[in-house]
Amino acid sequence: MLRSVLAYVPDSRWYIHINIFFTVLQFGFTTIFVAAFPLAPLLALLNNIIEIRLDAYKFISQWRRPLASRAKDIGIWYGILEGIGILSVITNAFVIAITSDFIPRLVYAYKYGPCAGQGQAGEKCMVGYVNASLSVFQVSDFENRSDSEFHARKFNGSPVKYCRYRDYRDPPHASEPYAYTLQFWHVLAARLAFIIVFEHMVFCIKNLISYLIPDLPKDLRDRMRREKYLIQEMMYEAELERVQKEKKERKKNGKCQHNEWP
């Protein structure tokens, strides 16, 4: 609706800015939450293809031809896109490390599983992972208001005394009941290490691609520098010519005044 309204605004700059705004907004949602919804880039690509064809149809047959204007770049939007890219890398690193089972599985396979210390990981190395990822809770440790509800529940004819929950904590009969185990700290350290390695790896790949594929080709950059140098040289020569002309006029005026002086 907003696009259709702005299409009839006399100043086309507002239409350009609002189109860039929607594009940047789509880029932000696509990159920041790509780990939560991996199909977002594909849907964004299909949407952009359809939108490009619709815009081409409107520019060719529906609208008056717009006036072209030169622009060096996209202005402040470039910095906004850079910021969104950095934020998306950090967000996806945290999403992968915190919400997925990728890191806990690796820690169990290499540290606590049947293949611990052997430097290998596979399906056999994950035997017992579910049991290791669940902690034990004693039902009698519940508050009094909910104690009767759990004692009333039975499993195979006997009352429920223990339940399992997903966490890395000591059992209720340990010296420090329900304290975090060593496996919890190993998993936490592995998650933080993964975040740091993932961010640095993505940024290194991004910088490498930027170096290999620059925004401006080398020959074009050289031509722009050459053009800038020629313009500066022309301005310098024009200024030098103007100064020399002024000196000649001053000398000429000085001679005339000397001749007229008695």
C-alpha atoms as a PDB file:
ATOM      1  CA  MET A   1       0.000   0.000   0.000  1.00  0.00           C
ATOM      2  CA  LEU A   2       2.784   2.398   0.909  1.00  0.00           C
ATOM      3  CA  ARG A   3       4.619   1.664  -2.318  1.00  0.00           C
ATOM      4  CA  SER A   4       1.537   2.329  -4.451  1.00  0.00           C
ATOM      5  CA  VAL A   5       0.989   5.655  -2.694  1.00  0.00           C
ATOM      6  CA  LEU A   6       4.601   6.766  -3.061  1.00  0.00           C
ATOM      7  CA  ALA A   7       4.576   5.824  -6.724  1.00  0.00           C
ATOM      8  CA  TYR A   8       2.519   8.940  -7.447  1.00  0.00           C
ATOM      9  CA  VAL A   9       4.715  11.295  -5.432  1.00  0.00           C
ATOM     10  CA  PRO A  10       6.256  13.904  -7.784  1.00  0.00           C
ATOM     11  CA  ASP A  11       9.690  13.601  -6.172  1.00  0.00           C
ATOM     12  CA  SER A  12      10.962  10.182  -7.244  1.00  0.00           C
ATOM     13  CA  ARG A  13      13.725  10.247  -4.634  1.00  0.00           C
ATOM     14  CA  TRP A  14      11.244   9.235  -1.942  1.00  0.00           C
ATOM     15  CA  TYR A  15      10.187   6.240  -4.006  1.00  0.00           C
ATOM     16  CA  ILE A  16      13.817   5.176  -4.408  1.00  0.00           C
ATOM     17  CA  HIS A  17      14.470   5.509  -0.675  1.00  0.00           C
ATOM     18  CA  ILE A  18      11.375   3.533   0.278  1.00  0.00           C
ATOM     19  CA  ASN A  19      12.346   0.759  -2.149  1.00  0.00           C
ATOM     20  CA  ILE A  20      15.826   0.606  -0.651  1.00  0.00           C
ATOM     21  CA  PHE A  21      14.263   0.584   2.821  1.00  0.00           C
ATOM     22  CA  PHE A  22      12.111  -2.457   2.007  1.00  0.00           C
ATOM     23  CA  THR A  23      15.096  -4.210   0.428  1.00  0.00           C
ATOM     24  CA  VAL A  24      17.280  -3.597   3.482  1.00  0.00           C
ATOM     25  CA  LEU A  25      14.440  -4.733   5.761  1.00  0.00           C
ATOM     26  CA  GLN A  26      14.098  -7.958   3.798  1.00  0.00           C
ATOM     27  CA  PHE A  27      17.866  -8.466   3.877  1.00  0.00           C
ATOM     28  CA  GLY A  28      17.856  -8.031   7.661  1.00  0.00           C
ATOM     29  CA  PHE A  29      15.084 -10.548   8.309  1.00  0.00           C
ATOM     30  CA  THR A  30      16.615 -13.021   5.858  1.00  0.00           C
ATOM     31  CA  THR A  31      20.148 -12.947   7.248  1.00  0.00           C
ATOM     32  CA  ILE A  32      19.534 -12.472  10.970  1.00  0.00           C
ATOM     33  CA  PHE A  33      17.012 -15.318  11.293  1.00  0.00           C
ATOM     34  CA  VAL A  34      18.316 -17.662   8.596  1.00  0.00           C
ATOM     35  CA  ALA A  35      19.324 -20.283  11.186  1.00  0.00           C
ATOM     36  CA  ALA A  36      15.757 -20.352  12.530  1.00  0.00           C
ATOM     37  CA  PHE A  37      14.135 -20.455   9.056  1.00  0.00           C
ATOM     38  CA  PRO A  38      16.568 -21.737   6.388  1.00  0.00           C
ATOM     39  CA  LEU A  39      14.005 -21.319   3.582  1.00  0.00           C
ATOM     40  CA  ALA A  40      13.966 -17.528   4.031  1.00  0.00           C
ATOM     41  CA  PRO A  41      16.727 -16.824   1.435  1.00  0.00           C
ATOM     42  CA  LEU A  42      14.939 -18.933  -1.189  1.00  0.00           C
ATOM     43  CA  LEU A  43      11.617 -17.182  -0.586  1.00  0.00           C
ATOM     44  CA  ALA A  44      13.358 -13.794  -0.668  1.00  0.00           C
ATOM     45  CA  LEU A  45      14.984 -14.699  -4.004  1.00  0.00           C
ATOM     46  CA  LEU A  46      11.643 -15.681  -5.532  1.00  0.00           C
ATOM     47  CA  ASN A  47      10.038 -12.499  -4.203  1.00  0.00           C
ATOM     48  CA  ASN A  48      12.809 -10.326  -5.654  1.00  0.00           C
ATOM     49  CA  ILE A  49      12.618 -12.008  -9.070  1.00  0.00           C
ATOM     50  CA  ILE A  50       8.874 -11.389  -9.250  1.00  0.00           C
ATOM     51  CA  GLU A  51       9.260  -7.824  -7.993  1.00  0.00           C
ATOM     52  CA  ILE A  52      11.966  -7.028 -10.558  1.00  0.00           C
ATOM     53  CA  ARG A  53       9.722  -8.162 -13.403  1.00  0.00           C
ATOM     54  CA  LEU A  54       6.761  -6.195 -12.036  1.00  0.00           C
ATOM     55  CA  ASP A  55       8.878  -3.055 -11.648  1.00  0.00           C
ATOM     56  CA  ALA A  56      10.180  -3.491 -15.193  1.00  0.00           C
ATOM     57  CA  TYR A  57       6.610  -3.743 -16.489  1.00  0.00           C
ATOM     58  CA  LYS A  58       5.576  -0.610 -14.586  1.00  0.00           C
ATOM     59  CA  PHE A  59       8.585   1.401 -15.761  1.00  0.00           C
ATOM     60  CA  ILE A  60       8.050   0.392 -19.384  1.00  0.00           C
ATOM     61  CA  SER A  61       4.292   0.609 -19.851  1.00  0.00           C
ATOM     62  CA  GLN A  62       2.637   2.229 -16.831  1.00  0.00           C
ATOM     63  CA  TRP A  63       4.752   5.149 -15.619  1.00  0.00           C
ATOM     64  CA  ARG A  64       6.317   8.198 -17.138  1.00  0.00           C
ATOM     65  CA  ARG A  65      10.000   7.770 -17.826  1.00  0.00           C
ATOM     66  CA  PRO A  66      11.906   8.904 -14.699  1.00  0.00           C
ATOM     67  CA  LEU A  67      14.689  11.455 -14.843  1.00  0.00           C
ATOM     68  CA  ALA A  68      18.094   9.879 -14.390  1.00  0.00           C
ATOM     69  CA  SER A  69      20.461  11.294 -11.791  1.00  0.00           C
ATOM     70  CA  ARG A  70      24.051  10.412 -10.996  1.00  0.00           C
ATOM     71  CA  ALA A  71      24.968   8.919  -7.633  1.00  0.00           C
ATOM     72  CA  LYS A  72      28.350   7.832  -6.343  1.00  0.00           C
ATOM     73  CA  ASP A  73      26.923   4.971  -4.251  1.00  0.00           C
ATOM     74  CA  ILE A  74      23.889   4.081  -2.137  1.00  0.00           C
ATOM     75  CA  GLY A  75      24.997   6.436   0.628  1.00  0.00           C
ATOM     76  CA  ILE A  76      24.234   5.616   4.248  1.00  0.00           C
ATOM     77  CA  TRP A  77      22.502   2.382   3.268  1.00  0.00           C
ATOM     78  CA  TYR A  78      25.893   0.781   2.652  1.00  0.00           C
ATOM     79  CA  GLY A  79      26.858   1.233   6.306  1.00  0.00           C
ATOM     80  CA  ILE A  80      23.456  -0.074   7.409  1.00  0.00           C
ATOM     81  CA  LEU A  81      23.923  -3.220   5.312  1.00  0.00           C
ATOM     82  CA  GLU A  82      27.399  -3.711   6.783  1.00  0.00           C
ATOM     83  CA  GLY A  83      25.979  -3.429  10.306  1.00  0.00           C
ATOM     84  CA  ILE A  84      23.169  -5.885   9.550  1.00  0.00           C
ATOM     85  CA  GLY A  85      25.697  -8.338   8.116  1.00  0.00           C
ATOM     86  CA  ILE A  86      27.836  -8.219  11.267  1.00  0.00           C
ATOM     87  CA  LEU A  87      24.760  -8.547  13.494  1.00  0.00           C
ATOM     88  CA  SER A  88      23.490 -11.517  11.472  1.00  0.00           C
ATOM     89  CA  VAL A  89      26.786 -13.395  11.871  1.00  0.00           C
ATOM     90  CA  ILE A  90      26.741 -12.908  15.647  1.00  0.00           C
ATOM     91  CA  THR A  91      23.048 -13.828  15.931  1.00  0.00           C
ATOM     92  CA  ASN A  92      23.347 -17.007  13.875  1.00  0.00           C
ATOM     93  CA  ALA A  93      26.449 -18.060  15.793  1.00  0.00           C
ATOM     94  CA  PHE A  94      24.538 -17.800  19.081  1.00  0.00           C
ATOM     95  CA  VAL A  95      21.469 -19.549  17.642  1.00  0.00           C
ATOM     96  CA  ILE A  96      23.517 -22.495  16.374  1.00  0.00           C
ATOM     97  CA  ALA A  97      25.603 -22.768  19.544  1.00  0.00           C
ATOM     98  CA  ILE A  98      22.844 -22.317  22.148  1.00  0.00           C
ATOM     99  CA  THR A  99      19.692 -23.829  20.671  1.00  0.00           C
ATOM    100  CA  SER A 100      21.024 -26.813  18.718  1.00  0.00           C
ATOM    101  CA  ASP A 101      22.419 -30.167  19.896  1.00  0.00           C
ATOM    102  CA  PHE A 102      25.452 -29.853  17.660  1.00  0.00           C
ATOM    103  CA  ILE A 103      27.879 -28.775  20.398  1.00  0.00           C
ATOM    104  CA  PRO A 104      26.624 -31.110  23.199  1.00  0.00           C
ATOM    105  CA  ARG A 105      26.832 -34.074  20.826  1.00  0.00           C
ATOM    106  CA  LEU A 106      30.423 -33.262  19.891  1.00  0.00           C
ATOM    107  CA  VAL A 107      31.414 -32.833  23.538  1.00  0.00           C
ATOM    108  CA  TYR A 108      29.827 -36.153  24.471  1.00  0.00           C
ATOM    109  CA  ALA A 109      31.344 -37.992  21.504  1.00  0.00           C
ATOM    110  CA  TYR A 110      34.903 -36.791  22.121  1.00  0.00           C
ATOM    111  CA  LYS A 111      34.894 -36.503  25.921  1.00  0.00           C
ATOM    112  CA  TYR A 112      32.256 -38.679  27.609  1.00  0.00           C
ATOM    113  CA  GLY A 113      31.046 -41.244  25.065  1.00  0.00           C
ATOM    114  CA  PRO A 114      32.316 -44.754  24.314  1.00  0.00           C
ATOM    115  CA  CYS A 115      34.856 -43.289  21.861  1.00  0.00           C
ATOM    116  CA  ALA A 116      36.225 -40.690  24.303  1.00  0.00           C
ATOM    117  CA  GLY A 117      39.925 -40.077  23.799  1.00  0.00           C
ATOM    118  CA  GLN A 118      40.054 -41.988  20.501  1.00  0.00           C
ATOM    119  CA  GLY A 119      39.722 -38.919  18.261  1.00  0.00           C
ATOM    120  CA  GLN A 120      36.727 -40.226  16.342  1.00  0.00           C
ATOM    121  CA  ALA A 121      32.978 -39.645  16.319  1.00  0.00           C
ATOM    122  CA  GLY A 122      30.200 -41.688  14.792  1.00  0.00           C
ATOM    123  CA  GLU A 123      26.908 -43.383  15.472  1.00  0.00           C
ATOM    124  CA  LYS A 124      28.488 -45.872  17.877  1.00  0.00           C
ATOM    125  CA  CYS A 125      30.116 -43.045  19.813  1.00  0.00           C
ATOM    126  CA  MET A 126      26.696 -41.539  20.637  1.00  0.00           C
ATOM    127  CA  VAL A 127      25.463 -44.538  22.634  1.00  0.00           C
ATOM    128  CA  GLY A 128      24.181 -43.273  25.988  1.00  0.00           C
ATOM    129  CA  TYR A 129      23.956 -39.622  24.912  1.00  0.00           C
ATOM    130  CA  VAL A 130      20.292 -39.222  25.879  1.00  0.00           C
ATOM    131  CA  ASN A 131      20.890 -40.666  29.332  1.00  0.00           C
ATOM    132  CA  ALA A 132      23.938 -38.422  29.837  1.00  0.00           C
ATOM    133  CA  SER A 133      21.985 -35.313  28.816  1.00  0.00           C
ATOM    134  CA  LEU A 134      19.207 -35.934  31.374  1.00  0.00           C
ATOM    135  CA  SER A 135      19.508 -35.175  35.077  1.00  0.00           C
ATOM    136  CA  VAL A 136      17.662 -36.814  37.966  1.00  0.00           C
ATOM    137  CA  PHE A 137      15.193 -34.953  40.170  1.00  0.00           C
ATOM    138  CA  GLN A 138      13.646 -36.331  43.360  1.00  0.00           C
ATOM    139  CA  VAL A 139       9.895 -35.775  43.421  1.00  0.00           C
ATOM    140  CA  SER A 140       9.874 -35.272  47.186  1.00  0.00           C
ATOM    141  CA  ASP A 141      11.939 -32.104  46.708  1.00  0.00           C
ATOM    142  CA  PHE A 142       8.964 -30.351  45.133  1.00  0.00           C
ATOM    143  CA  GLU A 143       7.121 -27.731  47.146  1.00  0.00           C
ATOM    144  CA  ASN A 144       4.306 -28.874  49.417  1.00  0.00           C
ATOM    145  CA  ARG A 145       1.619 -27.429  47.194  1.00  0.00           C
ATOM    146  CA  SER A 146       2.608 -29.726  44.325  1.00  0.00           C
ATOM    147  CA  ASP A 147       3.972 -32.679  46.338  1.00  0.00           C
ATOM    148  CA  SER A 148       0.624 -34.458  46.636  1.00  0.00           C
ATOM    149  CA  GLU A 149      -0.037 -34.210  42.923  1.00  0.00           C
ATOM    150  CA  PHE A 150       3.169 -36.054  42.039  1.00  0.00           C
ATOM    151  CA  HIS A 151       2.755 -38.683  44.757  1.00  0.00           C
ATOM    152  CA  ALA A 152      -0.704 -39.410  43.390  1.00  0.00           C
ATOM    153  CA  ARG A 153       0.778 -40.313  39.999  1.00  0.00           C
ATOM    154  CA  LYS A 154       1.864 -43.894  39.526  1.00  0.00           C
ATOM    155  CA  PHE A 155       3.933 -45.715  36.942  1.00  0.00           C
ATOM    156  CA  ASN A 156       3.360 -49.477  36.607  1.00  0.00           C
ATOM    157  CA  GLY A 157       1.469 -49.486  39.891  1.00  0.00           C
ATOM    158  CA  SER A 158       4.207 -47.811  41.971  1.00  0.00           C
ATOM    159  CA  PRO A 159       4.389 -44.115  42.923  1.00  0.00           C
ATOM    160  CA  VAL A 160       6.773 -41.875  41.007  1.00  0.00           C
ATOM    161  CA  LYS A 161       9.842 -41.026  43.106  1.00  0.00           C
ATOM    162  CA  TYR A 162      12.192 -39.618  40.470  1.00  0.00           C
ATOM    163  CA  CYS A 163      11.832 -37.766  37.193  1.00  0.00           C
ATOM    164  CA  ARG A 164      14.334 -36.839  34.487  1.00  0.00           C
ATOM    165  CA  TYR A 165      14.844 -33.420  32.939  1.00  0.00           C
ATOM    166  CA  ARG A 166      17.237 -32.070  30.358  1.00  0.00           C
ATOM    167  CA  ASP A 167      20.213 -30.484  32.082  1.00  0.00           C
ATOM    168  CA  TYR A 168      23.683 -31.270  33.404  1.00  0.00           C
ATOM    169  CA  ARG A 169      23.275 -31.352  37.203  1.00  0.00           C
ATOM    170  CA  ASP A 170      24.319 -33.617  40.055  1.00  0.00           C
ATOM    171  CA  PRO A 171      21.781 -36.115  41.461  1.00  0.00           C
ATOM    172  CA  PRO A 172      19.799 -35.283  44.622  1.00  0.00           C
ATOM    173  CA  HIS A 173      21.977 -37.566  46.808  1.00  0.00           C
ATOM    174  CA  ALA A 174      25.253 -35.848  45.881  1.00  0.00           C
ATOM    175  CA  SER A 175      27.251 -33.676  48.275  1.00  0.00           C
ATOM    176  CA  GLU A 176      25.907 -30.600  46.435  1.00  0.00           C
ATOM    177  CA  PRO A 177      22.472 -31.582  45.101  1.00  0.00           C
ATOM    178  CA  TYR A 178      21.510 -30.227  41.693  1.00  0.00           C
ATOM    179  CA  ALA A 179      24.820 -28.403  41.184  1.00  0.00           C
ATOM    180  CA  TYR A 180      26.203 -28.061  37.673  1.00  0.00           C
ATOM    181  CA  THR A 181      28.394 -30.961  36.603  1.00  0.00           C
ATOM    182  CA  LEU A 182      31.738 -30.756  34.854  1.00  0.00           C
ATOM    183  CA  GLN A 183      30.056 -31.744  31.600  1.00  0.00           C
ATOM    184  CA  PHE A 184      27.919 -28.591  31.777  1.00  0.00           C
ATOM    185  CA  TRP A 185      31.002 -26.368  31.913  1.00  0.00           C
ATOM    186  CA  HIS A 186      32.635 -28.320  29.094  1.00  0.00           C
ATOM    187  CA  VAL A 187      29.560 -27.814  26.915  1.00  0.00           C
ATOM    188  CA  LEU A 188      29.387 -24.116  27.815  1.00  0.00           C
ATOM    189  CA  ALA A 189      33.073 -23.592  27.004  1.00  0.00           C
ATOM    190  CA  ALA A 190      32.656 -25.456  23.709  1.00  0.00           C
ATOM    191  CA  ARG A 191      29.675 -23.271  22.788  1.00  0.00           C
ATOM    192  CA  LEU A 192      31.573 -20.056  23.484  1.00  0.00           C
ATOM    193  CA  ALA A 193      34.582 -21.356  21.550  1.00  0.00           C
ATOM    194  CA  PHE A 194      32.323 -22.258  18.620  1.00  0.00           C
ATOM    195  CA  ILE A 195      30.835 -18.741  18.600  1.00  0.00           C
ATOM    196  CA  ILE A 196      34.283 -17.128  18.468  1.00  0.00           C
ATOM    197  CA  VAL A 197      35.624 -19.509  15.805  1.00  0.00           C
ATOM    198  CA  PHE A 198      32.457 -19.236  13.696  1.00  0.00           C
ATOM    199  CA  GLU A 199      32.479 -15.420  13.752  1.00  0.00           C
ATOM    200  CA  HIS A 200      36.167 -15.136  12.872  1.00  0.00           C
ATOM    201  CA  MET A 201      35.869 -17.725  10.113  1.00  0.00           C
ATOM    202  CA  VAL A 202      32.890 -15.970   8.499  1.00  0.00           C
ATOM    203  CA  PHE A 203      34.535 -12.549   8.750  1.00  0.00           C
ATOM    204  CA  CYS A 204      37.768 -13.898   7.239  1.00  0.00           C
ATOM    205  CA  ILE A 205      35.864 -15.453   4.333  1.00  0.00           C
ATOM    206  CA  LYS A 206      33.934 -12.209   3.854  1.00  0.00           C
ATOM    207  CA  ASN A 207      37.120 -10.115   3.795  1.00  0.00           C
ATOM    208  CA  LEU A 208      38.767 -12.576   1.404  1.00  0.00           C
ATOM    209  CA  ILE A 209      35.824 -12.394  -1.006  1.00  0.00           C
ATOM    210  CA  SER A 210      35.810  -8.593  -0.747  1.00  0.00           C
ATOM    211  CA  TYR A 211      39.510  -8.554  -1.615  1.00  0.00           C
ATOM    212  CA  LEU A 212      39.145 -10.961  -4.547  1.00  0.00           C
ATOM    213  CA  ILE A 213      35.987  -9.282  -5.891  1.00  0.00           C
ATOM    214  CA  PRO A 214      36.310  -5.532  -5.185  1.00  0.00           C
ATOM    215  CA  ASP A 215      33.464  -3.085  -5.630  1.00  0.00           C
ATOM    216  CA  LEU A 216      35.419  -1.318  -8.381  1.00  0.00           C
ATOM    217  CA  PRO A 217      37.636  -3.182 -10.878  1.00  0.00           C
ATOM    218  CA  LYS A 218      41.299  -2.256 -10.807  1.00  0.00           C
ATOM    219  CA  ASP A 219      41.328  -0.758 -14.312  1.00  0.00           C
ATOM    220  CA  LEU A 220      38.266   1.367 -13.529  1.00  0.00           C
ATOM    221  CA  ARG A 221      39.838   2.574 -10.284  1.00  0.00           C
ATOM    222  CA  ASP A 222      43.026   3.501 -12.191  1.00  0.00           C
ATOM    223  CA  ARG A 223      41.014   5.431 -14.776  1.00  0.00           C
ATOM    224  CA  MET A 224      39.170   7.298 -12.032  1.00  0.00           C
ATOM    225  CA  ARG A 225      42.468   8.220 -10.379  1.00  0.00           C
ATOM    226  CA  ARG A 226      43.867   9.309 -13.742  1.00  0.00           C
ATOM    227  CA  GLU A 227      40.801  11.442 -14.381  1.00  0.00           C
ATOM    228  CA  LYS A 228      41.082  13.022 -10.941  1.00  0.00           C
ATOM    229  CA  TYR A 229      44.774  13.737 -11.544  1.00  0.00           C
ATOM    230  CA  LEU A 230      44.069  15.370 -14.918  1.00  0.00           C
ATOM    231  CA  ILE A 231      41.328  17.535 -13.405  1.00  0.00           C
ATOM    232  CA  GLN A 232      43.672  18.691 -10.638  1.00  0.00           C
ATOM    233  CA  GLU A 233      46.399  19.397 -13.189  1.00  0.00           C
ATOM    234  CA  MET A 234      43.999  21.440 -15.339  1.00  0.00           C
ATOM    235  CA  MET A 235      42.872  23.419 -12.297  1.00  0.00           C
ATOM    236  CA  TYR A 236      46.496  24.035 -11.319  1.00  0.00           C
ATOM    237  CA  GLU A 237      47.414  25.223 -14.820  1.00  0.00           C
ATOM    238  CA  ALA A 238      44.355  27.482 -14.971  1.00  0.00           C
ATOM    239  CA  GLU A 239      45.214  28.978 -11.592  1.00  0.00           C
ATOM    240  CA  LEU A 240      48.853  29.443 -12.621  1.00  0.00           C
ATOM    241  CA  GLU A 241      47.784  31.142 -15.845  1.00  0.00           C
ATOM    242  CA  ARG A 242      45.461  33.450 -13.930  1.00  0.00           C
ATOM    243  CA  VAL A 243      48.223  34.422 -11.489  1.00  0.00           C
ATOM    244  CA  GLN A 244      50.678  35.119 -14.318  1.00  0.00           C
ATOM    245  CA  LYS A 245      48.085  37.217 -16.110  1.00  0.00           C
ATOM    246  CA  GLU A 246      47.459  39.250 -12.966  1.00  0.00           C
ATOM    247  CA  LYS A 247      51.209  39.822 -12.554  1.00  0.00           C
ATOM    248  CA  LYS A 248      51.477  41.087 -16.122  1.00  0.00           C
ATOM    249  CA  GLU A 249      48.548  43.435 -15.601  1.00  0.00           C
ATOM    250  CA  ARG A 250      50.095  44.755 -12.392  1.00  0.00           C
ATOM    251  CA  LYS A 251      53.409  45.392 -14.127  1.00  0.00           C
ATOM    252  CA  LYS A 252      51.647  47.117 -16.988  1.00  0.00           C
ATOM    253  CA  ASN A 253      49.586  49.285 -14.680  1.00  0.00           C
ATOM    254  CA  GLY A 254      52.678  50.069 -12.656  1.00  0.00           C
ATOM    255  CA  LYS A 255      54.567  51.321 -15.757  1.00  0.00           C
ATOM    256  CA  CYS A 256      51.642  53.469 -16.831  1.00  0.00           C
ATOM    257  CA  GLN A 257      51.408  55.098 -13.441  1.00  0.00           C
ATOM    258  CA  HIS A 258      55.178  55.744 -13.461  1.00  0.00           C
ATOM    259  CA  ASN A 259      54.971  57.430 -16.866  1.00  0.00           C
ATOM    260  CA  GLU A 260      52.063  59.626 -15.812  1.00  0.00           C
ATOM    261  CA  TRP A 261      53.757  60.699 -12.588  1.00  0.00           C
ATOM    262  CA  PRO A 262      55.582  64.046 -13.000  1.00  0.00           C
END
